[in-house]
Amino acid sequence: MFTIASPKSRNVALGGVVVSSVVIASGLGQLATFPNLGWYSTLVKPAFNPPNWIFGPVWTTLYALMAFASWRIMRLPGSSQRSLALLLFFGQLVLNAVWSWMFFGLHSPLLGLIDIIPQLSLIVLTIVAFSRLDVIAGWLLVPLAAWVSFATILNVAVWRLNA
C-alpha cells in the first residue's frame, strides 16, 4: 500500500535534509580548521581580527539561520525559481566548507581568498533568490552576508600581512 506523507511529516523530513546538510558542511570545515589552529596562531593578523572564541558562537548562529532559511524555501512548492534558489544556497554552502580546507587545511590565505570571493557572491545571489520566494528566508541570510563580507576583508588582510 502506498501512502502520501502528511504535510507535518514532509516538513520534518525537509528539516532533516537541511539540518543534515548544514551540519555536514560545518563538520567538514571544522575538520580542516581545528587541527590547524596552531598554524593560524603563527600568522600576523590585523588589529581588527576578532578573538578566536567569537568564531564558534557566530558560526553556530549563522548555520542555524541558514538551516531555517533553506527549510522555509524547501517546503515551498517546486518551481524553477525554487530550484535555482536551492542550487545557489547549496553552492555557497559547499564553498563555505571548502574555504576551511583551502585556508586552514592547505595553509593558504590566498586559496581561501580565491574561494571566499565567489562564496560571498553566491550568498548575495541566494539572498536575492530566497527573497523572491520568501522575504523572511532572504533576511535570515543577511547576517551571513555581513559576516562573510567581514571575513573577506579579514582574509585579504591576513594574506597581505603574511605574503
N, C-alpha and C. Protein backbone atom coordinates (compact mmCIF):
# COMPACT_ATOMS: atom_id res chain seq x y z
N MET A 1 0.83 -1.17 0.00
CA MET A 1 0.00 0.00 0.00
C MET A 1 0.88 1.24 0.00
N PHE A 2 0.57 2.22 -0.82
CA PHE A 2 1.32 3.45 -0.97
C PHE A 2 0.58 4.57 -0.27
N THR A 3 1.27 5.27 0.63
CA THR A 3 0.62 6.38 1.32
C THR A 3 1.40 7.66 1.07
N ILE A 4 0.69 8.74 1.05
CA ILE A 4 1.31 10.05 0.88
C ILE A 4 1.60 10.60 2.27
N ALA A 5 2.80 11.08 2.44
CA ALA A 5 3.20 11.63 3.74
C ALA A 5 2.37 12.86 4.08
N SER A 6 2.10 13.02 5.35
CA SER A 6 1.36 14.20 5.79
C SER A 6 2.24 15.44 5.65
N PRO A 7 1.62 16.62 5.55
CA PRO A 7 2.43 17.84 5.47
C PRO A 7 3.39 17.98 6.65
N LYS A 8 2.96 17.57 7.83
CA LYS A 8 3.82 17.68 9.01
C LYS A 8 5.05 16.77 8.87
N SER A 9 4.85 15.53 8.44
CA SER A 9 6.00 14.62 8.29
C SER A 9 6.90 15.07 7.14
N ARG A 10 6.31 15.67 6.11
CA ARG A 10 7.12 16.20 4.99
C ARG A 10 8.00 17.33 5.51
N ASN A 11 7.45 18.24 6.31
CA ASN A 11 8.23 19.35 6.87
C ASN A 11 9.35 18.86 7.77
N VAL A 12 9.07 17.81 8.54
CA VAL A 12 10.10 17.23 9.41
C VAL A 12 11.21 16.62 8.56
N ALA A 13 10.84 15.92 7.50
CA ALA A 13 11.84 15.30 6.62
C ALA A 13 12.69 16.38 5.94
N LEU A 14 12.06 17.44 5.45
CA LEU A 14 12.81 18.53 4.82
C LEU A 14 13.73 19.20 5.83
N GLY A 15 13.24 19.36 7.04
CA GLY A 15 14.08 19.91 8.10
C GLY A 15 15.30 19.03 8.34
N GLY A 16 15.11 17.72 8.31
CA GLY A 16 16.23 16.80 8.47
C GLY A 16 17.25 16.94 7.36
N VAL A 17 16.78 17.15 6.13
CA VAL A 17 17.68 17.32 4.99
C VAL A 17 18.52 18.58 5.15
N VAL A 18 17.87 19.70 5.47
CA VAL A 18 18.64 20.94 5.56
C VAL A 18 19.54 20.97 6.78
N VAL A 19 19.07 20.48 7.90
CA VAL A 19 19.92 20.45 9.10
C VAL A 19 21.12 19.54 8.86
N SER A 20 20.88 18.38 8.27
CA SER A 20 21.99 17.45 7.96
C SER A 20 23.01 18.11 7.04
N SER A 21 22.54 18.80 6.01
CA SER A 21 23.45 19.45 5.07
C SER A 21 24.30 20.51 5.75
N VAL A 22 23.67 21.31 6.58
CA VAL A 22 24.39 22.38 7.27
C VAL A 22 25.36 21.79 8.30
N VAL A 23 24.94 20.76 9.01
CA VAL A 23 25.83 20.12 9.99
C VAL A 23 27.03 19.48 9.29
N ILE A 24 26.80 18.84 8.16
CA ILE A 24 27.90 18.23 7.41
C ILE A 24 28.89 19.31 6.95
N ALA A 25 28.37 20.41 6.40
CA ALA A 25 29.26 21.49 5.95
C ALA A 25 30.06 22.05 7.13
N SER A 26 29.39 22.25 8.25
CA SER A 26 30.08 22.74 9.44
C SER A 26 31.15 21.76 9.90
N GLY A 27 30.79 20.49 9.96
CA GLY A 27 31.73 19.47 10.40
C GLY A 27 32.94 19.35 9.50
N LEU A 28 32.70 19.40 8.19
CA LEU A 28 33.83 19.33 7.24
C LEU A 28 34.77 20.52 7.42
N GLY A 29 34.19 21.69 7.65
CA GLY A 29 35.01 22.87 7.89
C GLY A 29 35.83 22.75 9.16
N GLN A 30 35.20 22.21 10.21
CA GLN A 30 35.91 22.05 11.48
C GLN A 30 37.04 21.03 11.38
N LEU A 31 36.86 20.01 10.55
CA LEU A 31 37.92 19.01 10.38
C LEU A 31 39.20 19.64 9.84
N ALA A 32 39.04 20.66 9.02
CA ALA A 32 40.22 21.35 8.48
C ALA A 32 40.72 22.44 9.43
N THR A 33 39.82 23.05 10.15
CA THR A 33 40.19 24.21 10.97
C THR A 33 40.91 23.82 12.26
N PHE A 34 40.29 22.98 13.08
CA PHE A 34 40.83 22.72 14.42
C PHE A 34 42.25 22.16 14.43
N PRO A 35 42.61 21.22 13.56
CA PRO A 35 43.99 20.73 13.60
C PRO A 35 45.02 21.79 13.18
N ASN A 36 44.55 22.88 12.59
CA ASN A 36 45.48 23.88 12.06
C ASN A 36 45.44 25.21 12.82
N LEU A 37 44.83 25.21 13.99
CA LEU A 37 44.79 26.45 14.77
C LEU A 37 46.18 26.86 15.24
N GLY A 38 47.06 25.89 15.45
CA GLY A 38 48.44 26.22 15.81
C GLY A 38 49.12 27.00 14.70
N TRP A 39 48.93 26.56 13.47
CA TRP A 39 49.47 27.29 12.32
C TRP A 39 48.88 28.69 12.26
N TYR A 40 47.57 28.78 12.44
CA TYR A 40 46.88 30.07 12.37
C TYR A 40 47.42 31.04 13.42
N SER A 41 47.77 30.52 14.59
CA SER A 41 48.27 31.39 15.66
C SER A 41 49.62 32.01 15.31
N THR A 42 50.34 31.41 14.35
CA THR A 42 51.65 31.95 13.96
C THR A 42 51.54 33.07 12.92
N LEU A 43 50.36 33.25 12.33
CA LEU A 43 50.18 34.26 11.29
C LEU A 43 50.09 35.66 11.90
N VAL A 44 50.55 36.63 11.14
CA VAL A 44 50.36 38.03 11.50
C VAL A 44 48.92 38.37 11.13
N LYS A 45 48.21 38.98 12.07
CA LYS A 45 46.80 39.31 11.84
C LYS A 45 46.58 40.81 12.04
N PRO A 46 45.59 41.35 11.37
CA PRO A 46 45.31 42.79 11.53
C PRO A 46 44.74 43.09 12.91
N ALA A 47 44.77 44.34 13.29
CA ALA A 47 44.27 44.76 14.60
C ALA A 47 42.79 44.45 14.78
N PHE A 48 42.03 44.38 13.68
CA PHE A 48 40.59 44.13 13.78
C PHE A 48 40.24 42.64 13.80
N ASN A 49 41.24 41.78 13.89
CA ASN A 49 40.98 40.34 13.97
C ASN A 49 40.26 40.05 15.29
N PRO A 50 39.07 39.40 15.21
CA PRO A 50 38.35 39.11 16.46
C PRO A 50 39.05 38.02 17.26
N PRO A 51 38.74 37.92 18.55
CA PRO A 51 39.31 36.84 19.36
C PRO A 51 38.77 35.49 18.87
N ASN A 52 39.57 34.46 19.01
CA ASN A 52 39.19 33.13 18.49
C ASN A 52 37.87 32.62 19.06
N TRP A 53 37.54 32.95 20.31
CA TRP A 53 36.33 32.42 20.93
C TRP A 53 35.05 32.90 20.24
N ILE A 54 35.12 34.00 19.49
CA ILE A 54 33.91 34.54 18.87
C ILE A 54 33.44 33.72 17.67
N PHE A 55 34.36 33.01 17.02
CA PHE A 55 34.01 32.31 15.78
C PHE A 55 32.98 31.19 16.00
N GLY A 56 33.13 30.44 17.08
CA GLY A 56 32.19 29.34 17.34
C GLY A 56 30.75 29.81 17.50
N PRO A 57 30.48 30.76 18.41
CA PRO A 57 29.10 31.24 18.55
C PRO A 57 28.55 31.91 17.29
N VAL A 58 29.40 32.67 16.60
CA VAL A 58 28.92 33.34 15.38
C VAL A 58 28.54 32.31 14.33
N TRP A 59 29.42 31.34 14.08
CA TRP A 59 29.12 30.35 13.04
C TRP A 59 27.97 29.44 13.44
N THR A 60 27.84 29.12 14.70
CA THR A 60 26.69 28.31 15.14
C THR A 60 25.39 29.05 14.83
N THR A 61 25.36 30.33 15.15
CA THR A 61 24.17 31.15 14.85
C THR A 61 23.92 31.23 13.35
N LEU A 62 24.98 31.47 12.58
CA LEU A 62 24.81 31.59 11.13
C LEU A 62 24.34 30.28 10.50
N TYR A 63 24.88 29.16 10.95
CA TYR A 63 24.43 27.86 10.42
C TYR A 63 22.97 27.60 10.78
N ALA A 64 22.55 27.98 11.99
CA ALA A 64 21.15 27.81 12.36
C ALA A 64 20.25 28.67 11.48
N LEU A 65 20.65 29.90 11.22
CA LEU A 65 19.87 30.77 10.34
C LEU A 65 19.83 30.22 8.91
N MET A 66 20.95 29.69 8.43
CA MET A 66 20.98 29.09 7.08
C MET A 66 20.03 27.91 7.01
N ALA A 67 20.04 27.06 8.02
CA ALA A 67 19.18 25.88 8.01
C ALA A 67 17.71 26.30 8.00
N PHE A 68 17.35 27.26 8.84
CA PHE A 68 15.96 27.70 8.90
C PHE A 68 15.53 28.35 7.59
N ALA A 69 16.39 29.20 7.03
CA ALA A 69 16.07 29.87 5.77
C ALA A 69 15.88 28.86 4.64
N SER A 70 16.79 27.90 4.54
CA SER A 70 16.68 26.93 3.44
C SER A 70 15.48 26.00 3.65
N TRP A 71 15.15 25.70 4.90
CA TRP A 71 13.95 24.90 5.18
C TRP A 71 12.70 25.63 4.71
N ARG A 72 12.65 26.94 4.95
CA ARG A 72 11.49 27.73 4.51
C ARG A 72 11.35 27.66 2.99
N ILE A 73 12.46 27.63 2.27
CA ILE A 73 12.41 27.56 0.80
C ILE A 73 12.09 26.14 0.35
N MET A 74 12.69 25.15 0.98
CA MET A 74 12.46 23.76 0.57
C MET A 74 11.00 23.33 0.70
N ARG A 75 10.29 23.89 1.65
CA ARG A 75 8.92 23.46 1.85
C ARG A 75 7.93 24.14 0.91
N LEU A 76 8.42 25.09 0.09
CA LEU A 76 7.56 25.73 -0.91
C LEU A 76 7.32 24.76 -2.07
N PRO A 77 6.25 24.97 -2.82
CA PRO A 77 6.01 24.11 -3.99
C PRO A 77 7.17 24.20 -4.98
N GLY A 78 7.44 23.09 -5.65
CA GLY A 78 8.52 23.04 -6.62
C GLY A 78 8.31 24.03 -7.76
N SER A 79 9.40 24.67 -8.17
CA SER A 79 9.37 25.60 -9.30
C SER A 79 10.80 25.81 -9.75
N SER A 80 10.98 26.41 -10.92
CA SER A 80 12.34 26.68 -11.39
C SER A 80 13.01 27.72 -10.49
N GLN A 81 12.24 28.68 -9.98
CA GLN A 81 12.81 29.68 -9.06
C GLN A 81 13.29 29.03 -7.77
N ARG A 82 12.50 28.12 -7.25
CA ARG A 82 12.88 27.41 -6.02
C ARG A 82 14.13 26.57 -6.27
N SER A 83 14.16 25.87 -7.39
CA SER A 83 15.33 25.05 -7.72
C SER A 83 16.59 25.89 -7.82
N LEU A 84 16.49 27.04 -8.48
CA LEU A 84 17.65 27.93 -8.60
C LEU A 84 18.09 28.44 -7.23
N ALA A 85 17.12 28.85 -6.41
CA ALA A 85 17.44 29.35 -5.08
C ALA A 85 18.18 28.30 -4.25
N LEU A 86 17.71 27.07 -4.32
CA LEU A 86 18.36 25.99 -3.56
C LEU A 86 19.72 25.63 -4.14
N LEU A 87 19.86 25.69 -5.45
CA LEU A 87 21.16 25.44 -6.08
C LEU A 87 22.17 26.48 -5.60
N LEU A 88 21.76 27.74 -5.59
CA LEU A 88 22.64 28.81 -5.10
C LEU A 88 22.98 28.59 -3.63
N PHE A 89 21.98 28.24 -2.83
CA PHE A 89 22.20 28.01 -1.41
C PHE A 89 23.22 26.89 -1.19
N PHE A 90 23.00 25.75 -1.82
CA PHE A 90 23.91 24.62 -1.60
C PHE A 90 25.28 24.89 -2.22
N GLY A 91 25.33 25.69 -3.27
CA GLY A 91 26.63 26.09 -3.85
C GLY A 91 27.45 26.90 -2.86
N GLN A 92 26.81 27.88 -2.20
CA GLN A 92 27.54 28.69 -1.22
C GLN A 92 27.91 27.85 -0.01
N LEU A 93 27.07 26.88 0.33
CA LEU A 93 27.37 26.01 1.47
C LEU A 93 28.60 25.15 1.19
N VAL A 94 28.71 24.64 -0.03
CA VAL A 94 29.90 23.86 -0.42
C VAL A 94 31.14 24.75 -0.36
N LEU A 95 31.05 25.95 -0.92
CA LEU A 95 32.21 26.86 -0.88
C LEU A 95 32.57 27.23 0.56
N ASN A 96 31.57 27.32 1.42
CA ASN A 96 31.81 27.59 2.83
C ASN A 96 32.69 26.50 3.43
N ALA A 97 32.35 25.24 3.19
CA ALA A 97 33.13 24.12 3.74
C ALA A 97 34.51 24.05 3.09
N VAL A 98 34.57 24.31 1.80
CA VAL A 98 35.85 24.23 1.07
C VAL A 98 36.81 25.31 1.54
N TRP A 99 36.28 26.48 1.91
CA TRP A 99 37.15 27.57 2.36
C TRP A 99 38.06 27.10 3.49
N SER A 100 37.51 26.40 4.45
CA SER A 100 38.32 25.94 5.59
C SER A 100 39.46 25.05 5.13
N TRP A 101 39.21 24.22 4.14
CA TRP A 101 40.26 23.34 3.63
C TRP A 101 41.31 24.12 2.86
N MET A 102 40.88 25.14 2.13
CA MET A 102 41.84 25.93 1.36
C MET A 102 42.68 26.83 2.28
N PHE A 103 42.02 27.51 3.20
CA PHE A 103 42.72 28.44 4.09
C PHE A 103 43.50 27.67 5.15
N PHE A 104 42.82 26.89 5.96
CA PHE A 104 43.46 26.19 7.07
C PHE A 104 44.15 24.90 6.64
N GLY A 105 43.42 24.05 5.92
CA GLY A 105 43.97 22.74 5.55
C GLY A 105 45.21 22.83 4.70
N LEU A 106 45.20 23.76 3.75
CA LEU A 106 46.35 23.92 2.86
C LEU A 106 47.27 25.06 3.30
N HIS A 107 46.95 25.66 4.45
CA HIS A 107 47.75 26.78 4.99
C HIS A 107 47.92 27.87 3.94
N SER A 108 46.82 28.26 3.30
CA SER A 108 46.92 29.22 2.21
C SER A 108 45.84 30.29 2.29
N PRO A 109 46.17 31.43 2.87
CA PRO A 109 45.22 32.54 2.83
C PRO A 109 44.85 32.95 1.40
N LEU A 110 45.78 32.79 0.45
CA LEU A 110 45.47 33.12 -0.94
C LEU A 110 44.39 32.20 -1.50
N LEU A 111 44.51 30.90 -1.26
CA LEU A 111 43.47 29.98 -1.74
C LEU A 111 42.14 30.26 -1.02
N GLY A 112 42.22 30.61 0.25
CA GLY A 112 41.00 31.00 0.97
C GLY A 112 40.33 32.19 0.31
N LEU A 113 41.13 33.16 -0.09
CA LEU A 113 40.62 34.34 -0.77
C LEU A 113 40.00 33.98 -2.11
N ILE A 114 40.64 33.07 -2.84
CA ILE A 114 40.10 32.63 -4.13
C ILE A 114 38.74 31.96 -3.95
N ASP A 115 38.52 31.33 -2.82
CA ASP A 115 37.24 30.68 -2.52
C ASP A 115 36.20 31.67 -2.00
N ILE A 116 36.60 32.56 -1.11
CA ILE A 116 35.62 33.37 -0.37
C ILE A 116 34.95 34.43 -1.26
N ILE A 117 35.62 34.88 -2.30
CA ILE A 117 35.01 35.89 -3.17
C ILE A 117 33.81 35.32 -3.93
N PRO A 118 33.94 34.18 -4.61
CA PRO A 118 32.73 33.61 -5.22
C PRO A 118 31.71 33.14 -4.18
N GLN A 119 32.18 32.72 -3.01
CA GLN A 119 31.26 32.33 -1.94
C GLN A 119 30.37 33.51 -1.55
N LEU A 120 30.96 34.67 -1.35
CA LEU A 120 30.20 35.86 -1.00
C LEU A 120 29.23 36.23 -2.12
N SER A 121 29.68 36.11 -3.35
CA SER A 121 28.79 36.39 -4.49
C SER A 121 27.58 35.45 -4.48
N LEU A 122 27.82 34.17 -4.23
CA LEU A 122 26.70 33.22 -4.18
C LEU A 122 25.77 33.51 -3.01
N ILE A 123 26.31 33.95 -1.90
CA ILE A 123 25.46 34.31 -0.75
C ILE A 123 24.52 35.45 -1.13
N VAL A 124 25.06 36.48 -1.77
CA VAL A 124 24.23 37.62 -2.18
C VAL A 124 23.17 37.17 -3.18
N LEU A 125 23.57 36.34 -4.16
CA LEU A 125 22.60 35.83 -5.13
C LEU A 125 21.54 34.96 -4.45
N THR A 126 21.95 34.20 -3.44
CA THR A 126 21.00 33.37 -2.69
C THR A 126 20.00 34.25 -1.95
N ILE A 127 20.47 35.32 -1.35
CA ILE A 127 19.56 36.24 -0.66
C ILE A 127 18.52 36.79 -1.62
N VAL A 128 18.96 37.19 -2.80
CA VAL A 128 18.03 37.72 -3.80
C VAL A 128 17.02 36.64 -4.21
N ALA A 129 17.53 35.44 -4.50
CA ALA A 129 16.65 34.35 -4.94
C ALA A 129 15.69 33.93 -3.83
N PHE A 130 16.18 33.82 -2.60
CA PHE A 130 15.31 33.46 -1.48
C PHE A 130 14.25 34.54 -1.26
N SER A 131 14.66 35.81 -1.33
CA SER A 131 13.73 36.91 -1.08
C SER A 131 12.57 36.94 -2.07
N ARG A 132 12.84 36.53 -3.29
CA ARG A 132 11.77 36.48 -4.30
C ARG A 132 10.72 35.43 -3.97
N LEU A 133 11.12 34.43 -3.19
CA LEU A 133 10.21 33.35 -2.82
C LEU A 133 9.64 33.51 -1.42
N ASP A 134 10.46 34.05 -0.51
CA ASP A 134 10.08 34.17 0.89
C ASP A 134 10.97 35.25 1.50
N VAL A 135 10.39 36.40 1.75
CA VAL A 135 11.16 37.54 2.24
C VAL A 135 11.89 37.22 3.54
N ILE A 136 11.24 36.49 4.42
CA ILE A 136 11.87 36.15 5.70
C ILE A 136 13.12 35.29 5.46
N ALA A 137 13.02 34.33 4.58
CA ALA A 137 14.17 33.47 4.27
C ALA A 137 15.34 34.30 3.74
N GLY A 138 15.04 35.27 2.92
CA GLY A 138 16.10 36.15 2.41
C GLY A 138 16.76 36.93 3.53
N TRP A 139 15.96 37.51 4.41
CA TRP A 139 16.50 38.30 5.52
C TRP A 139 17.31 37.44 6.48
N LEU A 140 16.95 36.18 6.62
CA LEU A 140 17.68 35.29 7.53
C LEU A 140 19.14 35.10 7.09
N LEU A 141 19.42 35.33 5.81
CA LEU A 141 20.79 35.16 5.30
C LEU A 141 21.61 36.45 5.31
N VAL A 142 20.98 37.57 5.64
CA VAL A 142 21.72 38.84 5.66
C VAL A 142 22.86 38.82 6.68
N PRO A 143 22.67 38.28 7.89
CA PRO A 143 23.83 38.20 8.81
C PRO A 143 24.99 37.37 8.23
N LEU A 144 24.68 36.33 7.47
CA LEU A 144 25.73 35.53 6.82
C LEU A 144 26.50 36.40 5.84
N ALA A 145 25.79 37.17 5.02
CA ALA A 145 26.46 38.06 4.06
C ALA A 145 27.33 39.08 4.78
N ALA A 146 26.82 39.62 5.88
CA ALA A 146 27.60 40.61 6.64
C ALA A 146 28.88 39.97 7.21
N TRP A 147 28.74 38.79 7.81
CA TRP A 147 29.90 38.13 8.40
C TRP A 147 30.91 37.71 7.34
N VAL A 148 30.44 37.16 6.24
CA VAL A 148 31.37 36.72 5.19
C VAL A 148 32.00 37.93 4.50
N SER A 149 31.31 39.06 4.46
CA SER A 149 31.94 40.30 3.96
C SER A 149 33.10 40.68 4.87
N PHE A 150 32.86 40.65 6.17
CA PHE A 150 33.92 40.93 7.14
C PHE A 150 35.05 39.90 7.01
N ALA A 151 34.68 38.62 6.87
CA ALA A 151 35.68 37.55 6.74
C ALA A 151 36.51 37.73 5.47
N THR A 152 35.90 38.25 4.42
CA THR A 152 36.64 38.51 3.18
C THR A 152 37.70 39.58 3.41
N ILE A 153 37.32 40.65 4.09
CA ILE A 153 38.27 41.72 4.40
C ILE A 153 39.38 41.18 5.30
N LEU A 154 39.02 40.37 6.28
CA LEU A 154 40.00 39.76 7.17
C LEU A 154 40.92 38.83 6.39
N ASN A 155 40.37 38.03 5.50
CA ASN A 155 41.16 37.10 4.68
C ASN A 155 42.17 37.88 3.83
N VAL A 156 41.73 38.99 3.22
CA VAL A 156 42.64 39.82 2.41
C VAL A 156 43.77 40.34 3.30
N ALA A 157 43.42 40.84 4.47
CA ALA A 157 44.44 41.40 5.37
C ALA A 157 45.44 40.34 5.81
N VAL A 158 44.96 39.16 6.18
CA VAL A 158 45.86 38.08 6.60
C VAL A 158 46.76 37.67 5.44
N TRP A 159 46.22 37.58 4.26
CA TRP A 159 47.01 37.21 3.09
C TRP A 159 48.10 38.27 2.85
N ARG A 160 47.72 39.53 2.87
CA ARG A 160 48.70 40.61 2.59
C ARG A 160 49.78 40.68 3.68
N LEU A 161 49.37 40.52 4.93
CA LEU A 161 50.34 40.59 6.03
C LEU A 161 51.31 39.41 6.08
N ASN A 162 50.94 38.31 5.43
CA ASN A 162 51.76 37.09 5.51
C ASN A 162 52.31 36.65 4.16
N ALA A 163 52.14 37.49 3.14
CA ALA A 163 52.61 37.13 1.79
C ALA A 163 54.12 37.28 1.68
